[in-house]
Amino acid sequence: MEIKINSVHFDADQKLITRINKKITKLVQFFDGIISAEVFLRLENVQNDENKIVEIKLSIPGNDLFVKKQSKTFEDAFNKGIESLGRQVTKHKERLRSK
């Protein structure tokens, strides 16, 4: 599986990149048909503290799964996003089984 991480308007530190790679690789436990993952880390210029946005796009056969989460830290936003993607992947796998 190919994983692309794009940080917009800043440079992500290696610790965050390593964490993202590790967690996305674990999604293969739910569904081994994942082709690629693309992660966008964005800093929004807003007044409140929740200015970190994480967007994750998973390419799977016949479909793309997408999630966008916003939080005070990239780690928190990514954790919320990966949980949501885990549920989406599980539902997609169940739909494939029922066909």
PDB file of N, CA and C in Angstrom:
ATOM      1  N   MET A   1       0.843  -1.175   0.000  1.00  0.00           N
ATOM      2  CA  MET A   1       0.000   0.000   0.000  1.00  0.00           C
ATOM      3  C   MET A   1       0.890   1.241   0.000  1.00  0.00           C
ATOM      4  N   GLU A   2       0.535   2.180  -0.855  1.00  0.00           N
ATOM      5  CA  GLU A   2       1.278   3.429  -0.955  1.00  0.00           C
ATOM      6  C   GLU A   2       0.622   4.471  -0.059  1.00  0.00           C
ATOM      7  N   ILE A   3       1.431   5.165   0.740  1.00  0.00           N
ATOM      8  CA  ILE A   3       0.922   6.202   1.639  1.00  0.00           C
ATOM      9  C   ILE A   3       1.613   7.522   1.302  1.00  0.00           C
ATOM     10  N   LYS A   4       0.802   8.545   0.995  1.00  0.00           N
ATOM     11  CA  LYS A   4       1.321   9.884   0.720  1.00  0.00           C
ATOM     12  C   LYS A   4       0.858  10.810   1.830  1.00  0.00           C
ATOM     13  N   ILE A   5       1.794  11.585   2.369  1.00  0.00           N
ATOM     14  CA  ILE A   5       1.452  12.549   3.410  1.00  0.00           C
ATOM     15  C   ILE A   5       1.843  13.936   2.908  1.00  0.00           C
ATOM     16  N   ASN A   6       0.862  14.829   2.844  1.00  0.00           N
ATOM     17  CA  ASN A   6       1.082  16.194   2.379  1.00  0.00           C
ATOM     18  C   ASN A   6       0.780  17.162   3.514  1.00  0.00           C
ATOM     19  N   SER A   7       1.750  17.985   3.864  1.00  0.00           N
ATOM     20  CA  SER A   7       1.502  19.019   4.876  1.00  0.00           C
ATOM     21  C   SER A   7       1.451  20.362   4.153  1.00  0.00           C
ATOM     22  N   VAL A   8       0.358  21.081   4.360  1.00  0.00           N
ATOM     23  CA  VAL A   8       0.103  22.330   3.660  1.00  0.00           C
ATOM     24  C   VAL A   8       0.418  23.503   4.589  1.00  0.00           C
ATOM     25  N   HIS A   9       1.293  24.390   4.158  1.00  0.00           N
ATOM     26  CA  HIS A   9       1.692  25.613   4.863  1.00  0.00           C
ATOM     27  C   HIS A   9       2.547  25.359   6.103  1.00  0.00           C
ATOM     28  N   PHE A  10       3.129  24.182   6.238  1.00  0.00           N
ATOM     29  CA  PHE A  10       4.053  23.901   7.327  1.00  0.00           C
ATOM     30  C   PHE A  10       4.777  22.592   7.026  1.00  0.00           C
ATOM     31  N   ASP A  11       5.825  22.301   7.788  1.00  0.00           N
ATOM     32  CA  ASP A  11       6.550  21.033   7.656  1.00  0.00           C
ATOM     33  C   ASP A  11       6.211  20.149   8.845  1.00  0.00           C
ATOM     34  N   ALA A  12       5.666  18.974   8.560  1.00  0.00           N
ATOM     35  CA  ALA A  12       5.305  18.027   9.624  1.00  0.00           C
ATOM     36  C   ALA A  12       6.571  17.389  10.184  1.00  0.00           C
ATOM     37  N   ASP A  13       6.606  17.180  11.495  1.00  0.00           N
ATOM     38  CA  ASP A  13       7.768  16.544  12.100  1.00  0.00           C
ATOM     39  C   ASP A  13       7.735  15.034  11.866  1.00  0.00           C
ATOM     40  N   GLN A  14       8.880  14.415  11.997  1.00  0.00           N
ATOM     41  CA  GLN A  14       9.040  12.991  11.695  1.00  0.00           C
ATOM     42  C   GLN A  14       8.196  12.111  12.609  1.00  0.00           C
ATOM     43  N   LYS A  15       8.023  12.535  13.867  1.00  0.00           N
ATOM     44  CA  LYS A  15       7.229  11.763  14.824  1.00  0.00           C
ATOM     45  C   LYS A  15       5.775  11.642  14.342  1.00  0.00           C
ATOM     46  N   LEU A  16       5.201  12.738  13.852  1.00  0.00           N
ATOM     47  CA  LEU A  16       3.834  12.731  13.347  1.00  0.00           C
ATOM     48  C   LEU A  16       3.725  11.868  12.095  1.00  0.00           C
ATOM     49  N   ILE A  17       4.677  11.978  11.204  1.00  0.00           N
ATOM     50  CA  ILE A  17       4.672  11.190   9.963  1.00  0.00           C
ATOM     51  C   ILE A  17       4.759   9.703  10.274  1.00  0.00           C
ATOM     52  N   THR A  18       5.621   9.326  11.205  1.00  0.00           N
ATOM     53  CA  THR A  18       5.776   7.928  11.596  1.00  0.00           C
ATOM     54  C   THR A  18       4.480   7.391  12.194  1.00  0.00           C
ATOM     55  N   ARG A  19       3.843   8.194  13.041  1.00  0.00           N
ATOM     56  CA  ARG A  19       2.575   7.781  13.669  1.00  0.00           C
ATOM     57  C   ARG A  19       1.486   7.565  12.618  1.00  0.00           C
ATOM     58  N   ILE A  20       1.403   8.482  11.652  1.00  0.00           N
ATOM     59  CA  ILE A  20       0.407   8.373  10.589  1.00  0.00           C
ATOM     60  C   ILE A  20       0.633   7.104   9.770  1.00  0.00           C
ATOM     61  N   ASN A  21       1.866   6.858   9.361  1.00  0.00           N
ATOM     62  CA  ASN A  21       2.182   5.649   8.585  1.00  0.00           C
ATOM     63  C   ASN A  21       1.813   4.387   9.345  1.00  0.00           C
ATOM     64  N   LYS A  22       2.137   4.346  10.634  1.00  0.00           N
ATOM     65  CA  LYS A  22       1.864   3.165  11.458  1.00  0.00           C
ATOM     66  C   LYS A  22       0.362   2.892  11.556  1.00  0.00           C
ATOM     67  N   LYS A  23      -0.427   3.940  11.836  1.00  0.00           N
ATOM     68  CA  LYS A  23      -1.870   3.756  12.014  1.00  0.00           C
ATOM     69  C   LYS A  23      -2.566   3.408  10.705  1.00  0.00           C
ATOM     70  N   ILE A  24      -2.152   4.003   9.600  1.00  0.00           N
ATOM     71  CA  ILE A  24      -2.791   3.700   8.319  1.00  0.00           C
ATOM     72  C   ILE A  24      -2.454   2.272   7.898  1.00  0.00           C
ATOM     73  N   THR A  25      -1.243   1.836   8.154  1.00  0.00           N
ATOM     74  CA  THR A  25      -0.857   0.467   7.832  1.00  0.00           C
ATOM     75  C   THR A  25      -1.717  -0.531   8.605  1.00  0.00           C
ATOM     76  N   LYS A  26      -2.143  -0.177   9.813  1.00  0.00           N
ATOM     77  CA  LYS A  26      -2.993  -1.068  10.610  1.00  0.00           C
ATOM     78  C   LYS A  26      -4.376  -1.246  10.002  1.00  0.00           C
ATOM     79  N   LEU A  27      -4.819  -0.322   9.138  1.00  0.00           N
ATOM     80  CA  LEU A  27      -6.135  -0.466   8.501  1.00  0.00           C
ATOM     81  C   LEU A  27      -6.217  -1.717   7.628  1.00  0.00           C
ATOM     82  N   VAL A  28      -5.071  -2.242   7.214  1.00  0.00           N
ATOM     83  CA  VAL A  28      -5.041  -3.450   6.390  1.00  0.00           C
ATOM     84  C   VAL A  28      -5.618  -4.634   7.162  1.00  0.00           C
ATOM     85  N   GLN A  29      -5.596  -4.584   8.507  1.00  0.00           N
ATOM     86  CA  GLN A  29      -6.200  -5.641   9.313  1.00  0.00           C
ATOM     87  C   GLN A  29      -7.694  -5.760   9.027  1.00  0.00           C
ATOM     88  N   PHE A  30      -8.349  -4.623   8.766  1.00  0.00           N
ATOM     89  CA  PHE A  30      -9.789  -4.619   8.509  1.00  0.00           C
ATOM     90  C   PHE A  30     -10.114  -5.029   7.080  1.00  0.00           C
ATOM     91  N   PHE A  31      -9.279  -4.579   6.132  1.00  0.00           N
ATOM     92  CA  PHE A  31      -9.549  -4.844   4.715  1.00  0.00           C
ATOM     93  C   PHE A  31      -8.219  -4.808   3.971  1.00  0.00           C
ATOM     94  N   ASP A  32      -7.839  -5.945   3.394  1.00  0.00           N
ATOM     95  CA  ASP A  32      -6.521  -6.021   2.749  1.00  0.00           C
ATOM     96  C   ASP A  32      -6.519  -5.517   1.308  1.00  0.00           C
ATOM     97  N   GLY A  33      -7.646  -4.999   0.824  1.00  0.00           N
ATOM     98  CA  GLY A  33      -7.721  -4.515  -0.553  1.00  0.00           C
ATOM     99  C   GLY A  33      -7.413  -3.034  -0.709  1.00  0.00           C
ATOM    100  N   ILE A  34      -6.868  -2.401   0.320  1.00  0.00           N
ATOM    101  CA  ILE A  34      -6.564  -0.967   0.245  1.00  0.00           C
ATOM    102  C   ILE A  34      -5.395  -0.761  -0.715  1.00  0.00           C
ATOM    103  N   ILE A  35      -5.604   0.095  -1.718  1.00  0.00           N
ATOM    104  CA  ILE A  35      -4.581   0.352  -2.730  1.00  0.00           C
ATOM    105  C   ILE A  35      -3.612   1.434  -2.261  1.00  0.00           C
ATOM    106  N   SER A  36      -4.165   2.563  -1.825  1.00  0.00           N
ATOM    107  CA  SER A  36      -3.311   3.669  -1.392  1.00  0.00           C
ATOM    108  C   SER A  36      -4.051   4.548  -0.401  1.00  0.00           C
ATOM    109  N   ALA A  37      -3.270   5.376   0.287  1.00  0.00           N
ATOM    110  CA  ALA A  37      -3.834   6.332   1.236  1.00  0.00           C
ATOM    111  C   ALA A  37      -3.147   7.673   1.016  1.00  0.00           C
ATOM    112  N   GLU A  38      -3.929   8.729   1.091  1.00  0.00           N
ATOM    113  CA  GLU A  38      -3.387  10.073   0.952  1.00  0.00           C
ATOM    114  C   GLU A  38      -3.876  10.897   2.137  1.00  0.00           C
ATOM    115  N   VAL A  39      -2.928  11.534   2.836  1.00  0.00           N
ATOM    116  CA  VAL A  39      -3.244  12.303   4.027  1.00  0.00           C
ATOM    117  C   VAL A  39      -2.834  13.757   3.798  1.00  0.00           C
ATOM    118  N   PHE A  40      -3.759  14.662   4.068  1.00  0.00           N
ATOM    119  CA  PHE A  40      -3.474  16.095   3.977  1.00  0.00           C
ATOM    120  C   PHE A  40      -3.558  16.684   5.377  1.00  0.00           C
ATOM    121  N   LEU A  41      -2.494  17.373   5.782  1.00  0.00           N
ATOM    122  CA  LEU A  41      -2.455  18.068   7.068  1.00  0.00           C
ATOM    123  C   LEU A  41      -2.465  19.559   6.758  1.00  0.00           C
ATOM    124  N   ARG A  42      -3.464  20.279   7.287  1.00  0.00           N
ATOM    125  CA  ARG A  42      -3.615  21.703   6.962  1.00  0.00           C
ATOM    126  C   ARG A  42      -3.722  22.536   8.233  1.00  0.00           C
ATOM    127  N   LEU A  43      -3.131  23.716   8.180  1.00  0.00           N
ATOM    128  CA  LEU A  43      -3.311  24.720   9.216  1.00  0.00           C
ATOM    129  C   LEU A  43      -4.242  25.787   8.669  1.00  0.00           C
ATOM    130  N   GLU A  44      -5.367  26.004   9.337  1.00  0.00           N
ATOM    131  CA  GLU A  44      -6.315  27.038   8.916  1.00  0.00           C
ATOM    132  C   GLU A  44      -6.000  28.335   9.651  1.00  0.00           C
ATOM    133  N   ASN A  45      -6.198  29.430   8.979  1.00  0.00           N
ATOM    134  CA  ASN A  45      -5.995  30.738   9.598  1.00  0.00           C
ATOM    135  C   ASN A  45      -7.315  31.223  10.190  1.00  0.00           C
ATOM    136  N   VAL A  46      -7.672  30.648  11.320  1.00  0.00           N
ATOM    137  CA  VAL A  46      -8.889  31.036  12.015  1.00  0.00           C
ATOM    138  C   VAL A  46      -8.539  31.462  13.435  1.00  0.00           C
ATOM    139  N   GLN A  47      -9.463  32.113  14.087  1.00  0.00           N
ATOM    140  CA  GLN A  47      -9.205  32.674  15.419  1.00  0.00           C
ATOM    141  C   GLN A  47      -9.252  31.636  16.544  1.00  0.00           C
ATOM    142  N   ASN A  48     -10.009  30.556  16.369  1.00  0.00           N
ATOM    143  CA  ASN A  48     -10.128  29.588  17.462  1.00  0.00           C
ATOM    144  C   ASN A  48      -8.957  28.610  17.480  1.00  0.00           C
ATOM    145  N   ASP A  49      -8.886  27.817  18.564  1.00  0.00           N
ATOM    146  CA  ASP A  49      -7.769  26.880  18.752  1.00  0.00           C
ATOM    147  C   ASP A  49      -7.844  25.682  17.810  1.00  0.00           C
ATOM    148  N   GLU A  50      -9.036  25.320  17.372  1.00  0.00           N
ATOM    149  CA  GLU A  50      -9.199  24.138  16.531  1.00  0.00           C
ATOM    150  C   GLU A  50      -8.912  24.477  15.071  1.00  0.00           C
ATOM    151  N   ASN A  51      -7.625  24.744  14.784  1.00  0.00           N
ATOM    152  CA  ASN A  51      -7.243  25.159  13.435  1.00  0.00           C
ATOM    153  C   ASN A  51      -6.440  24.101  12.693  1.00  0.00           C
ATOM    154  N   LYS A  52      -6.351  22.900  13.249  1.00  0.00           N
ATOM    155  CA  LYS A  52      -5.633  21.806  12.577  1.00  0.00           C
ATOM    156  C   LYS A  52      -6.641  20.889  11.893  1.00  0.00           C
ATOM    157  N   ILE A  53      -6.473  20.698  10.587  1.00  0.00           N
ATOM    158  CA  ILE A  53      -7.398  19.880   9.801  1.00  0.00           C
ATOM    159  C   ILE A  53      -6.638  18.713   9.191  1.00  0.00           C
ATOM    160  N   VAL A  54      -7.214  17.531   9.322  1.00  0.00           N
ATOM    161  CA  VAL A  54      -6.649  16.316   8.730  1.00  0.00           C
ATOM    162  C   VAL A  54      -7.684  15.740   7.770  1.00  0.00           C
ATOM    163  N   GLU A  55      -7.254  15.495   6.533  1.00  0.00           N
ATOM    164  CA  GLU A  55      -8.107  14.845   5.537  1.00  0.00           C
ATOM    165  C   GLU A  55      -7.411  13.557   5.117  1.00  0.00           C
ATOM    166  N   ILE A  56      -8.155  12.464   5.117  1.00  0.00           N
ATOM    167  CA  ILE A  56      -7.598  11.160   4.744  1.00  0.00           C
ATOM    168  C   ILE A  56      -8.450  10.574   3.632  1.00  0.00           C
ATOM    169  N   LYS A  57      -7.806  10.143   2.566  1.00  0.00           N
ATOM    170  CA  LYS A  57      -8.502   9.515   1.439  1.00  0.00           C
ATOM    171  C   LYS A  57      -7.890   8.135   1.219  1.00  0.00           C
ATOM    172  N   LEU A  58      -8.739   7.112   1.281  1.00  0.00           N
ATOM    173  CA  LEU A  58      -8.304   5.735   1.024  1.00  0.00           C
ATOM    174  C   LEU A  58      -8.828   5.300  -0.332  1.00  0.00           C
ATOM    175  N   SER A  59      -7.953   4.789  -1.159  1.00  0.00           N
ATOM    176  CA  SER A  59      -8.363   4.229  -2.446  1.00  0.00           C
ATOM    177  C   SER A  59      -8.501   2.728  -2.289  1.00  0.00           C
ATOM    178  N   ILE A  60      -9.720   2.240  -2.549  1.00  0.00           N
ATOM    179  CA  ILE A  60      -9.983   0.807  -2.504  1.00  0.00           C
ATOM    180  C   ILE A  60     -10.670   0.430  -3.816  1.00  0.00           C
ATOM    181  N   PRO A  61     -10.628  -0.822  -4.209  1.00  0.00           N
ATOM    182  CA  PRO A  61     -11.235  -1.210  -5.486  1.00  0.00           C
ATOM    183  C   PRO A  61     -12.713  -0.824  -5.565  1.00  0.00           C
ATOM    184  N   GLY A  62     -13.042  -0.053  -6.592  1.00  0.00           N
ATOM    185  CA  GLY A  62     -14.420   0.326  -6.837  1.00  0.00           C
ATOM    186  C   GLY A  62     -14.922   1.515  -6.053  1.00  0.00           C
ATOM    187  N   ASN A  63     -14.093   2.102  -5.187  1.00  0.00           N
ATOM    188  CA  ASN A  63     -14.581   3.181  -4.350  1.00  0.00           C
ATOM    189  C   ASN A  63     -13.419   3.921  -3.708  1.00  0.00           C
ATOM    190  N   ASP A  64     -13.681   5.129  -3.235  1.00  0.00           N
ATOM    191  CA  ASP A  64     -12.738   5.875  -2.414  1.00  0.00           C
ATOM    192  C   ASP A  64     -13.444   6.230  -1.115  1.00  0.00           C
ATOM    193  N   LEU A  65     -12.743   6.099  -0.015  1.00  0.00           N
ATOM    194  CA  LEU A  65     -13.283   6.484   1.283  1.00  0.00           C
ATOM    195  C   LEU A  65     -12.577   7.762   1.720  1.00  0.00           C
ATOM    196  N   PHE A  66     -13.336   8.699   2.297  1.00  0.00           N
ATOM    197  CA  PHE A  66     -12.776   9.997   2.641  1.00  0.00           C
ATOM    198  C   PHE A  66     -13.283  10.434   4.004  1.00  0.00           C
ATOM    199  N   VAL A  67     -12.406  11.077   4.761  1.00  0.00           N
ATOM    200  CA  VAL A  67     -12.787  11.634   6.054  1.00  0.00           C
ATOM    201  C   VAL A  67     -12.021  12.939   6.264  1.00  0.00           C
ATOM    202  N   LYS A  68     -12.686  13.894   6.905  1.00  0.00           N
ATOM    203  CA  LYS A  68     -12.075  15.185   7.221  1.00  0.00           C
ATOM    204  C   LYS A  68     -12.402  15.506   8.667  1.00  0.00           C
ATOM    205  N   LYS A  69     -11.366  15.748   9.477  1.00  0.00           N
ATOM    206  CA  LYS A  69     -11.563  16.046  10.899  1.00  0.00           C
ATOM    207  C   LYS A  69     -10.753  17.276  11.284  1.00  0.00           C
ATOM    208  N   GLN A  70     -11.276  18.029  12.267  1.00  0.00           N
ATOM    209  CA  GLN A  70     -10.641  19.251  12.733  1.00  0.00           C
ATOM    210  C   GLN A  70     -10.519  19.201  14.246  1.00  0.00           C
ATOM    211  N   SER A  71      -9.366  19.650  14.773  1.00  0.00           N
ATOM    212  CA  SER A  71      -9.150  19.591  16.209  1.00  0.00           C
ATOM    213  C   SER A  71      -8.056  20.588  16.609  1.00  0.00           C
ATOM    214  N   LYS A  72      -7.714  20.563  17.908  1.00  0.00           N
ATOM    215  CA  LYS A  72      -6.657  21.443  18.413  1.00  0.00           C
ATOM    216  C   LYS A  72      -5.271  20.940  18.032  1.00  0.00           C
ATOM    217  N   THR A  73      -5.118  19.617  17.879  1.00  0.00           N
ATOM    218  CA  THR A  73      -3.822  19.044  17.495  1.00  0.00           C
ATOM    219  C   THR A  73      -4.007  18.115  16.300  1.00  0.00           C
ATOM    220  N   PHE A  74      -2.938  17.948  15.547  1.00  0.00           N
ATOM    221  CA  PHE A  74      -2.996  17.035  14.404  1.00  0.00           C
ATOM    222  C   PHE A  74      -3.188  15.603  14.866  1.00  0.00           C
ATOM    223  N   GLU A  75      -2.581  15.247  15.990  1.00  0.00           N
ATOM    224  CA  GLU A  75      -2.699  13.888  16.501  1.00  0.00           C
ATOM    225  C   GLU A  75      -4.152  13.556  16.838  1.00  0.00           C
ATOM    226  N   ASP A  76      -4.826  14.473  17.502  1.00  0.00           N
ATOM    227  CA  ASP A  76      -6.223  14.253  17.881  1.00  0.00           C
ATOM    228  C   ASP A  76      -7.120  14.176  16.647  1.00  0.00           C
ATOM    229  N   ALA A  77      -6.925  15.097  15.712  1.00  0.00           N
ATOM    230  CA  ALA A  77      -7.723  15.088  14.481  1.00  0.00           C
ATOM    231  C   ALA A  77      -7.478  13.806  13.696  1.00  0.00           C
ATOM    232  N   PHE A  78      -6.216  13.364  13.628  1.00  0.00           N
ATOM    233  CA  PHE A  78      -5.894  12.136  12.896  1.00  0.00           C
ATOM    234  C   PHE A  78      -6.519  10.922  13.575  1.00  0.00           C
ATOM    235  N   ASN A  79      -6.460  10.870  14.907  1.00  0.00           N
ATOM    236  CA  ASN A  79      -7.064   9.739  15.631  1.00  0.00           C
ATOM    237  C   ASN A  79      -8.558   9.649  15.374  1.00  0.00           C
ATOM    238  N   LYS A  80      -9.252  10.794  15.397  1.00  0.00           N
ATOM    239  CA  LYS A  80     -10.684  10.805  15.109  1.00  0.00           C
ATOM    240  C   LYS A  80     -10.939  10.326  13.674  1.00  0.00           C
ATOM    241  N   GLY A  81     -10.108  10.776  12.753  1.00  0.00           N
ATOM    242  CA  GLY A  81     -10.264  10.392  11.351  1.00  0.00           C
ATOM    243  C   GLY A  81     -10.011   8.917  11.116  1.00  0.00           C
ATOM    244  N   ILE A  82      -9.001   8.367  11.745  1.00  0.00           N
ATOM    245  CA  ILE A  82      -8.654   6.959  11.523  1.00  0.00           C
ATOM    246  C   ILE A  82      -9.728   6.056  12.130  1.00  0.00           C
ATOM    247  N   GLU A  83     -10.341   6.473  13.240  1.00  0.00           N
ATOM    248  CA  GLU A  83     -11.448   5.707  13.813  1.00  0.00           C
ATOM    249  C   GLU A  83     -12.636   5.685  12.844  1.00  0.00           C
ATOM    250  N   SER A  84     -12.929   6.830  12.287  1.00  0.00           N
ATOM    251  CA  SER A  84     -14.035   6.923  11.330  1.00  0.00           C
ATOM    252  C   SER A  84     -13.756   6.083  10.086  1.00  0.00           C
ATOM    253  N   LEU A  85     -12.530   6.135   9.605  1.00  0.00           N
ATOM    254  CA  LEU A  85     -12.171   5.324   8.437  1.00  0.00           C
ATOM    255  C   LEU A  85     -12.238   3.838   8.746  1.00  0.00           C
ATOM    256  N   GLY A  86     -11.865   3.450   9.947  1.00  0.00           N
ATOM    257  CA  GLY A  86     -11.965   2.047  10.348  1.00  0.00           C
ATOM    258  C   GLY A  86     -13.399   1.550  10.239  1.00  0.00           C
ATOM    259  N   ARG A  87     -14.344   2.384  10.684  1.00  0.00           N
ATOM    260  CA  ARG A  87     -15.762   2.010  10.575  1.00  0.00           C
ATOM    261  C   ARG A  87     -16.205   1.948   9.114  1.00  0.00           C
ATOM    262  N   GLN A  88     -15.755   2.915   8.299  1.00  0.00           N
ATOM    263  CA  GLN A  88     -16.120   2.919   6.880  1.00  0.00           C
ATOM    264  C   GLN A  88     -15.583   1.691   6.161  1.00  0.00           C
ATOM    265  N   VAL A  89     -14.335   1.322   6.469  1.00  0.00           N
ATOM    266  CA  VAL A  89     -13.720   0.155   5.834  1.00  0.00           C
ATOM    267  C   VAL A  89     -14.467  -1.109   6.226  1.00  0.00           C
ATOM    268  N   THR A  90     -14.832  -1.217   7.503  1.00  0.00           N
ATOM    269  CA  THR A  90     -15.573  -2.382   7.970  1.00  0.00           C
ATOM    270  C   THR A  90     -16.929  -2.489   7.275  1.00  0.00           C
ATOM    271  N   LYS A  91     -17.632  -1.361   7.151  1.00  0.00           N
ATOM    272  CA  LYS A  91     -18.936  -1.366   6.464  1.00  0.00           C
ATOM    273  C   LYS A  91     -18.772  -1.744   4.997  1.00  0.00           C
ATOM    274  N   HIS A  92     -17.727  -1.234   4.361  1.00  0.00           N
ATOM    275  CA  HIS A  92     -17.492  -1.559   2.950  1.00  0.00           C
ATOM    276  C   HIS A  92     -17.232  -3.066   2.788  1.00  0.00           C
ATOM    277  N   LYS A  93     -16.457  -3.620   3.678  1.00  0.00           N
ATOM    278  CA  LYS A  93     -16.145  -5.047   3.618  1.00  0.00           C
ATOM    279  C   LYS A  93     -17.415  -5.883   3.820  1.00  0.00           C
ATOM    280  N   GLU A  94     -18.293  -5.455   4.731  1.00  0.00           N
ATOM    281  CA  GLU A  94     -19.542  -6.169   4.957  1.00  0.00           C
ATOM    282  C   GLU A  94     -20.442  -6.102   3.728  1.00  0.00           C
ATOM    283  N   ARG A  95     -20.465  -4.956   3.046  1.00  0.00           N
ATOM    284  CA  ARG A  95     -21.262  -4.826   1.833  1.00  0.00           C
ATOM    285  C   ARG A  95     -20.750  -5.768   0.744  1.00  0.00           C
ATOM    286  N   LEU A  96     -19.434  -5.912   0.652  1.00  0.00           N
ATOM    287  CA  LEU A  96     -18.849  -6.815  -0.341  1.00  0.00           C
ATOM    288  C   LEU A  96     -19.212  -8.267  -0.040  1.00  0.00           C
ATOM    289  N   ARG A  97     -19.229  -8.619   1.227  1.00  0.00           N
ATOM    290  CA  ARG A  97     -19.565  -9.993   1.609  1.00  0.00           C
ATOM    291  C   ARG A  97     -21.025 -10.325   1.306  1.00  0.00           C
ATOM    292  N   SER A  98     -21.895  -9.349   1.465  1.00  0.00           N
ATOM    293  CA  SER A  98     -23.322  -9.609   1.284  1.00  0.00           C
ATOM    294  C   SER A  98     -23.732  -9.697  -0.173  1.00  0.00           C
ATOM    295  N   LYS A  99     -22.865  -9.332  -1.092  1.00  0.00           N
ATOM    296  CA  LYS A  99     -23.201  -9.403  -2.531  1.00  0.00           C
ATOM    297  C   LYS A  99     -23.101 -10.810  -3.044  1.00  0.00           C
TER     298      LYS A  99
END
